[in-house]
Structure formats: C-alpha cells, structure tokens
Amino acid sequence: MIRFKKIKALKDGKLRIEYEQKNKDSWDEYTLNCSDEPKDSYGAALQALAGDVIEMCELPEDYLPRITVTGVSFSYGGDEEVMGAVITASMRLNKSNQPLNLNTPHKTETWYSETGSELSLLHPD
C-alpha cells in the first residue's frame, strides 16, 4: 500500500512528491523531485481545489480567479489512520509584487474520535 504525504509544484518547474509505502509493520518514506513536466491533468486537478481554498479560508467567491493552488499535504492519524489534508495556494494581490501564501486549515475525511466537530471535516454532510 502506498499513501501520499505531499504533492507540490516547485518554483523551478519540478514536481515534488512525498509518499510512504507500507513495509511489514512500518512505513518507508520516499521523496521524488522530478524535472519532467507533469501532465496537463495534474495542473487542472490542483487548480480544481481553488474553490475549496476559497471555502476553507472563508474568502469571497470573487477571489477565485486570483488563487493558484500549488500543493496538498496529507496526514494520517488516530487508531484508524484517518486521512487529513492541508491545501497550499497563492493569491495574486492587487497592491503587491508578491502573492499572498495561503494554507487552509487542516481538515480530515472523518473524525479521529466520536467527539469531532463538523467544522473539522473536509466535506461535512
């Protein structure tokens, strides 16, 4: 079994992928920096998360065209190894030469325990 830890577009055009592979009772960790250009679908998949950045960071909808998603970090915790994620993005500013760097709050696919809040979920029901 393989699970991703981080997927990120680097400034030099490379793609960085951090992942773990199950090895008996533990996880081996791997990092790949690749200079091959990713498929167009990679950029489209990342950019499809821009709406989630807007929602999770509670930003106005009209900011959407200014958001560029640059990566996703994954975590796994609790007895059930619940997956959580943080989306990293930049937002073009109107009065600055540099973008605003954004990290969404950490959200999980389900609760770590029975006392969780709907606000902590990636996609609350």
N, C-alpha and C. Protein backbone atom coordinates (compact mmCIF):
# COMPACT_ATOMS: atom_id res chain seq x y z
N MET A 1 0.84 -1.18 0.00
CA MET A 1 0.00 0.00 0.00
C MET A 1 0.89 1.24 0.00
N ILE A 2 0.50 2.21 -0.82
CA ILE A 2 1.21 3.49 -0.91
C ILE A 2 0.23 4.59 -0.53
N ARG A 3 0.73 5.57 0.23
CA ARG A 3 -0.10 6.73 0.54
C ARG A 3 0.76 7.99 0.39
N PHE A 4 0.14 9.01 -0.21
CA PHE A 4 0.84 10.26 -0.46
C PHE A 4 0.90 11.10 0.81
N LYS A 5 2.00 11.83 0.97
CA LYS A 5 2.17 12.77 2.08
C LYS A 5 2.14 14.21 1.58
N LYS A 6 2.76 14.46 0.41
CA LYS A 6 2.78 15.83 -0.12
C LYS A 6 2.95 15.77 -1.63
N ILE A 7 2.23 16.64 -2.31
CA ILE A 7 2.36 16.82 -3.76
C ILE A 7 2.48 18.32 -3.97
N LYS A 8 3.57 18.74 -4.62
CA LYS A 8 3.82 20.18 -4.72
C LYS A 8 4.54 20.52 -6.02
N ALA A 9 4.13 21.62 -6.62
CA ALA A 9 4.84 22.18 -7.76
C ALA A 9 5.93 23.09 -7.22
N LEU A 10 7.18 22.85 -7.59
CA LEU A 10 8.30 23.67 -7.13
C LEU A 10 8.50 24.84 -8.07
N LYS A 11 9.14 25.89 -7.58
CA LYS A 11 9.33 27.10 -8.37
C LYS A 11 10.21 26.88 -9.60
N ASP A 12 11.10 25.90 -9.56
CA ASP A 12 11.99 25.65 -10.69
C ASP A 12 11.34 24.77 -11.76
N GLY A 13 10.03 24.54 -11.64
CA GLY A 13 9.31 23.75 -12.62
C GLY A 13 9.26 22.26 -12.31
N LYS A 14 9.97 21.86 -11.27
CA LYS A 14 9.95 20.46 -10.89
C LYS A 14 8.70 20.14 -10.08
N LEU A 15 8.43 18.88 -9.99
CA LEU A 15 7.33 18.37 -9.20
C LEU A 15 7.91 17.58 -8.04
N ARG A 16 7.42 17.83 -6.84
CA ARG A 16 7.90 17.11 -5.65
C ARG A 16 6.77 16.24 -5.12
N ILE A 17 7.05 14.97 -4.95
CA ILE A 17 6.08 14.03 -4.40
C ILE A 17 6.73 13.32 -3.22
N GLU A 18 6.06 13.40 -2.07
CA GLU A 18 6.50 12.66 -0.89
C GLU A 18 5.43 11.61 -0.62
N TYR A 19 5.87 10.37 -0.42
CA TYR A 19 4.92 9.30 -0.18
C TYR A 19 5.51 8.26 0.75
N GLU A 20 4.64 7.40 1.26
CA GLU A 20 5.04 6.32 2.15
C GLU A 20 4.56 5.00 1.56
N GLN A 21 5.33 3.96 1.82
CA GLN A 21 4.94 2.63 1.38
C GLN A 21 5.00 1.69 2.57
N LYS A 22 3.93 0.93 2.75
CA LYS A 22 3.84 0.00 3.87
C LYS A 22 4.88 -1.10 3.70
N ASN A 23 5.67 -1.33 4.77
CA ASN A 23 6.70 -2.36 4.77
C ASN A 23 6.55 -3.13 6.08
N LYS A 24 5.86 -4.24 6.01
CA LYS A 24 5.56 -5.05 7.20
C LYS A 24 4.78 -4.23 8.22
N ASP A 25 5.39 -3.87 9.33
CA ASP A 25 4.68 -3.15 10.39
C ASP A 25 5.00 -1.66 10.45
N SER A 26 5.69 -1.13 9.45
CA SER A 26 6.04 0.28 9.46
C SER A 26 5.88 0.87 8.06
N TRP A 27 6.14 2.17 7.97
CA TRP A 27 6.03 2.87 6.70
C TRP A 27 7.41 3.37 6.27
N ASP A 28 7.83 3.01 5.06
CA ASP A 28 9.05 3.56 4.48
C ASP A 28 8.68 4.86 3.77
N GLU A 29 9.54 5.88 3.89
CA GLU A 29 9.26 7.19 3.32
C GLU A 29 10.13 7.45 2.10
N TYR A 30 9.52 8.03 1.07
CA TYR A 30 10.22 8.32 -0.18
C TYR A 30 9.91 9.75 -0.62
N THR A 31 10.87 10.37 -1.30
CA THR A 31 10.69 11.69 -1.89
C THR A 31 11.19 11.65 -3.32
N LEU A 32 10.41 12.22 -4.20
CA LEU A 32 10.76 12.28 -5.61
C LEU A 32 10.68 13.72 -6.08
N ASN A 33 11.79 14.23 -6.62
CA ASN A 33 11.80 15.53 -7.31
C ASN A 33 12.00 15.22 -8.78
N CYS A 34 11.03 15.58 -9.59
CA CYS A 34 11.05 15.20 -11.00
C CYS A 34 11.06 16.44 -11.87
N SER A 35 11.96 16.48 -12.84
CA SER A 35 12.03 17.62 -13.73
C SER A 35 11.18 17.43 -14.99
N ASP A 36 10.60 16.25 -15.18
CA ASP A 36 9.67 16.05 -16.29
C ASP A 36 8.43 16.89 -16.05
N GLU A 37 7.92 17.50 -17.11
CA GLU A 37 6.71 18.30 -16.95
C GLU A 37 5.54 17.37 -16.65
N PRO A 38 4.72 17.75 -15.65
CA PRO A 38 3.55 16.92 -15.36
C PRO A 38 2.51 17.04 -16.47
N LYS A 39 1.63 16.06 -16.54
CA LYS A 39 0.54 16.11 -17.49
C LYS A 39 -0.34 17.32 -17.20
N ASP A 40 -1.04 17.80 -18.21
CA ASP A 40 -1.95 18.93 -18.03
C ASP A 40 -3.00 18.62 -16.96
N SER A 41 -3.37 17.35 -16.84
CA SER A 41 -4.39 16.96 -15.87
C SER A 41 -3.92 17.21 -14.43
N TYR A 42 -2.60 17.21 -14.20
CA TYR A 42 -2.07 17.48 -12.85
C TYR A 42 -2.41 18.91 -12.45
N GLY A 43 -2.09 19.87 -13.31
CA GLY A 43 -2.38 21.26 -13.01
C GLY A 43 -3.87 21.51 -12.88
N ALA A 44 -4.64 20.86 -13.73
CA ALA A 44 -6.10 21.02 -13.66
C ALA A 44 -6.65 20.44 -12.37
N ALA A 45 -6.11 19.31 -11.93
CA ALA A 45 -6.57 18.69 -10.68
C ALA A 45 -6.24 19.58 -9.49
N LEU A 46 -5.02 20.13 -9.46
CA LEU A 46 -4.67 21.04 -8.37
C LEU A 46 -5.56 22.28 -8.40
N GLN A 47 -5.72 22.87 -9.57
CA GLN A 47 -6.50 24.11 -9.67
C GLN A 47 -7.96 23.88 -9.34
N ALA A 48 -8.44 22.67 -9.52
CA ALA A 48 -9.83 22.34 -9.17
C ALA A 48 -10.07 22.50 -7.67
N LEU A 49 -8.99 22.52 -6.88
CA LEU A 49 -9.10 22.70 -5.43
C LEU A 49 -9.21 24.17 -5.01
N ALA A 50 -9.11 25.09 -5.97
CA ALA A 50 -9.16 26.52 -5.65
C ALA A 50 -10.47 26.89 -4.97
N GLY A 51 -11.57 26.31 -5.39
CA GLY A 51 -12.86 26.56 -4.75
C GLY A 51 -12.86 26.10 -3.29
N ASP A 52 -12.16 24.99 -3.03
CA ASP A 52 -12.04 24.51 -1.65
C ASP A 52 -11.21 25.48 -0.81
N VAL A 53 -10.18 26.07 -1.41
CA VAL A 53 -9.38 27.07 -0.71
C VAL A 53 -10.26 28.25 -0.33
N ILE A 54 -11.06 28.72 -1.27
CA ILE A 54 -11.98 29.84 -1.01
C ILE A 54 -12.91 29.48 0.16
N GLU A 55 -13.51 28.31 0.10
CA GLU A 55 -14.45 27.89 1.14
C GLU A 55 -13.77 27.71 2.50
N MET A 56 -12.66 26.98 2.52
CA MET A 56 -12.00 26.66 3.78
C MET A 56 -11.36 27.88 4.44
N CYS A 57 -10.89 28.83 3.63
CA CYS A 57 -10.28 30.05 4.17
C CYS A 57 -11.29 31.17 4.32
N GLU A 58 -12.55 30.88 4.00
CA GLU A 58 -13.65 31.83 4.16
C GLU A 58 -13.39 33.14 3.40
N LEU A 59 -12.94 32.98 2.16
CA LEU A 59 -12.66 34.13 1.30
C LEU A 59 -13.84 34.39 0.38
N PRO A 60 -13.99 35.62 -0.11
CA PRO A 60 -15.07 35.92 -1.04
C PRO A 60 -14.91 35.14 -2.36
N GLU A 61 -16.03 34.72 -2.93
CA GLU A 61 -16.03 33.95 -4.18
C GLU A 61 -15.30 34.67 -5.31
N ASP A 62 -15.35 36.01 -5.33
CA ASP A 62 -14.74 36.74 -6.44
C ASP A 62 -13.21 36.71 -6.38
N TYR A 63 -12.63 36.13 -5.33
CA TYR A 63 -11.17 35.95 -5.25
C TYR A 63 -10.71 34.73 -6.07
N LEU A 64 -11.62 33.89 -6.46
CA LEU A 64 -11.28 32.63 -7.12
C LEU A 64 -10.30 32.78 -8.28
N PRO A 65 -10.46 33.74 -9.20
CA PRO A 65 -9.51 33.86 -10.32
C PRO A 65 -8.09 34.23 -9.88
N ARG A 66 -7.93 34.72 -8.66
CA ARG A 66 -6.62 35.14 -8.17
C ARG A 66 -5.88 34.03 -7.43
N ILE A 67 -6.54 32.88 -7.23
CA ILE A 67 -5.98 31.77 -6.46
C ILE A 67 -5.28 30.78 -7.38
N THR A 68 -4.05 30.41 -7.03
CA THR A 68 -3.32 29.34 -7.71
C THR A 68 -2.94 28.29 -6.67
N VAL A 69 -3.46 27.10 -6.83
CA VAL A 69 -3.14 26.01 -5.90
C VAL A 69 -1.78 25.44 -6.27
N THR A 70 -0.90 25.34 -5.26
CA THR A 70 0.46 24.87 -5.52
C THR A 70 0.78 23.52 -4.90
N GLY A 71 -0.08 23.04 -4.00
CA GLY A 71 0.21 21.73 -3.42
C GLY A 71 -0.83 21.30 -2.41
N VAL A 72 -0.69 20.03 -2.02
CA VAL A 72 -1.55 19.44 -1.00
C VAL A 72 -0.67 18.59 -0.10
N SER A 73 -0.86 18.72 1.21
CA SER A 73 -0.15 17.89 2.18
C SER A 73 -1.18 17.00 2.87
N PHE A 74 -0.83 15.73 3.03
CA PHE A 74 -1.72 14.75 3.64
C PHE A 74 -1.12 14.25 4.96
N SER A 75 -1.98 13.93 5.90
CA SER A 75 -1.56 13.33 7.16
C SER A 75 -2.47 12.15 7.46
N TYR A 76 -2.01 11.28 8.32
CA TYR A 76 -2.78 10.09 8.69
C TYR A 76 -2.64 9.92 10.19
N GLY A 77 -3.76 9.92 10.92
CA GLY A 77 -3.65 9.86 12.36
C GLY A 77 -4.77 9.10 13.02
N GLY A 78 -4.58 8.85 14.30
CA GLY A 78 -5.55 8.11 15.09
C GLY A 78 -5.44 6.62 14.87
N ASP A 79 -6.20 5.87 15.61
CA ASP A 79 -6.17 4.42 15.51
C ASP A 79 -6.56 3.91 14.12
N GLU A 80 -7.43 4.66 13.45
CA GLU A 80 -7.92 4.25 12.13
C GLU A 80 -7.11 4.85 10.98
N GLU A 81 -6.02 5.57 11.31
CA GLU A 81 -5.21 6.22 10.27
C GLU A 81 -6.08 7.10 9.38
N VAL A 82 -6.84 7.98 10.01
CA VAL A 82 -7.74 8.89 9.30
C VAL A 82 -6.91 9.89 8.49
N MET A 83 -7.28 10.04 7.22
CA MET A 83 -6.56 10.96 6.34
C MET A 83 -7.05 12.39 6.56
N GLY A 84 -6.09 13.31 6.64
CA GLY A 84 -6.38 14.73 6.72
C GLY A 84 -5.58 15.45 5.64
N ALA A 85 -5.94 16.68 5.36
CA ALA A 85 -5.25 17.41 4.29
C ALA A 85 -5.19 18.91 4.58
N VAL A 86 -4.14 19.53 4.03
CA VAL A 86 -3.99 20.97 4.01
C VAL A 86 -3.66 21.34 2.56
N ILE A 87 -4.38 22.30 2.03
CA ILE A 87 -4.13 22.77 0.66
C ILE A 87 -3.30 24.03 0.74
N THR A 88 -2.26 24.09 -0.09
CA THR A 88 -1.39 25.27 -0.16
C THR A 88 -1.67 25.99 -1.47
N ALA A 89 -1.79 27.30 -1.38
CA ALA A 89 -2.08 28.09 -2.58
C ALA A 89 -1.43 29.46 -2.45
N SER A 90 -1.44 30.19 -3.55
CA SER A 90 -1.02 31.59 -3.52
C SER A 90 -2.15 32.41 -4.12
N MET A 91 -2.24 33.65 -3.69
CA MET A 91 -3.26 34.54 -4.20
C MET A 91 -2.61 35.82 -4.70
N ARG A 92 -2.86 36.14 -5.94
CA ARG A 92 -2.33 37.36 -6.54
C ARG A 92 -2.96 38.56 -5.83
N LEU A 93 -2.12 39.50 -5.43
CA LEU A 93 -2.59 40.71 -4.75
C LEU A 93 -2.57 41.89 -5.71
N ASN A 94 -3.46 42.82 -5.51
CA ASN A 94 -3.56 43.98 -6.40
C ASN A 94 -2.53 45.06 -6.11
N LYS A 95 -2.04 45.12 -4.87
CA LYS A 95 -1.12 46.19 -4.48
C LYS A 95 0.20 45.65 -3.98
N SER A 96 0.64 44.54 -4.53
CA SER A 96 1.91 43.95 -4.12
C SER A 96 2.52 43.17 -5.27
N ASN A 97 3.86 43.14 -5.31
CA ASN A 97 4.56 42.36 -6.34
C ASN A 97 4.58 40.88 -6.02
N GLN A 98 4.35 40.53 -4.77
CA GLN A 98 4.42 39.14 -4.33
C GLN A 98 3.02 38.64 -3.98
N PRO A 99 2.76 37.35 -4.20
CA PRO A 99 1.44 36.81 -3.85
C PRO A 99 1.33 36.56 -2.35
N LEU A 100 0.12 36.42 -1.91
CA LEU A 100 -0.17 36.03 -0.54
C LEU A 100 -0.14 34.50 -0.50
N ASN A 101 0.65 33.92 0.39
CA ASN A 101 0.70 32.47 0.54
C ASN A 101 -0.39 32.03 1.50
N LEU A 102 -1.13 31.02 1.12
CA LEU A 102 -2.25 30.53 1.90
C LEU A 102 -2.09 29.05 2.23
N ASN A 103 -2.43 28.68 3.43
CA ASN A 103 -2.59 27.29 3.84
C ASN A 103 -3.98 27.16 4.43
N THR A 104 -4.74 26.22 3.94
CA THR A 104 -6.07 26.01 4.50
C THR A 104 -5.93 25.40 5.89
N PRO A 105 -6.97 25.49 6.69
CA PRO A 105 -6.96 24.74 7.95
C PRO A 105 -6.88 23.24 7.66
N HIS A 106 -6.29 22.51 8.57
CA HIS A 106 -6.23 21.05 8.44
C HIS A 106 -7.63 20.49 8.63
N LYS A 107 -8.07 19.68 7.67
CA LYS A 107 -9.38 19.04 7.75
C LYS A 107 -9.19 17.55 7.51
N THR A 108 -10.06 16.74 8.11
CA THR A 108 -9.95 15.29 7.99
C THR A 108 -11.15 14.71 7.25
N GLU A 109 -10.98 13.48 6.72
CA GLU A 109 -12.07 12.84 5.99
C GLU A 109 -13.18 12.37 6.93
N THR A 110 -12.83 12.05 8.16
CA THR A 110 -13.78 11.70 9.20
C THR A 110 -13.14 12.10 10.53
N TRP A 111 -13.86 11.92 11.62
CA TRP A 111 -13.32 12.33 12.91
C TRP A 111 -12.29 11.33 13.42
N TYR A 112 -11.31 11.84 14.18
CA TYR A 112 -10.35 10.97 14.86
C TYR A 112 -11.04 10.21 16.00
N SER A 113 -12.04 10.85 16.59
CA SER A 113 -12.77 10.23 17.70
C SER A 113 -14.25 10.62 17.58
N GLU A 114 -15.08 10.09 18.44
CA GLU A 114 -16.51 10.35 18.39
C GLU A 114 -16.87 11.77 18.82
N THR A 115 -15.94 12.53 19.33
CA THR A 115 -16.23 13.89 19.81
C THR A 115 -15.87 14.95 18.78
N GLY A 116 -15.75 14.57 17.51
CA GLY A 116 -15.36 15.52 16.48
C GLY A 116 -16.45 16.51 16.14
N SER A 117 -16.06 17.58 15.47
CA SER A 117 -16.97 18.63 15.02
C SER A 117 -17.09 18.60 13.51
N GLU A 118 -18.28 18.94 13.01
CA GLU A 118 -18.49 19.02 11.56
C GLU A 118 -17.51 20.00 10.92
N LEU A 119 -17.09 21.02 11.67
CA LEU A 119 -16.17 22.03 11.15
C LEU A 119 -14.80 21.47 10.85
N SER A 120 -14.47 20.29 11.38
CA SER A 120 -13.15 19.72 11.17
C SER A 120 -13.08 18.80 9.96
N LEU A 121 -14.20 18.58 9.29
CA LEU A 121 -14.25 17.62 8.18
C LEU A 121 -14.00 18.28 6.83
N LEU A 122 -13.34 17.52 5.94
CA LEU A 122 -13.11 18.01 4.57
C LEU A 122 -14.43 18.28 3.86
N HIS A 123 -15.35 17.37 3.95
CA HIS A 123 -16.65 17.52 3.31
C HIS A 123 -17.75 17.17 4.30
N PRO A 124 -18.15 18.14 5.12
CA PRO A 124 -19.20 17.85 6.09
C PRO A 124 -20.51 17.49 5.39
N ASP A 125 -21.28 16.63 6.01
CA ASP A 125 -22.58 16.22 5.44
C ASP A 125 -23.61 17.31 5.57
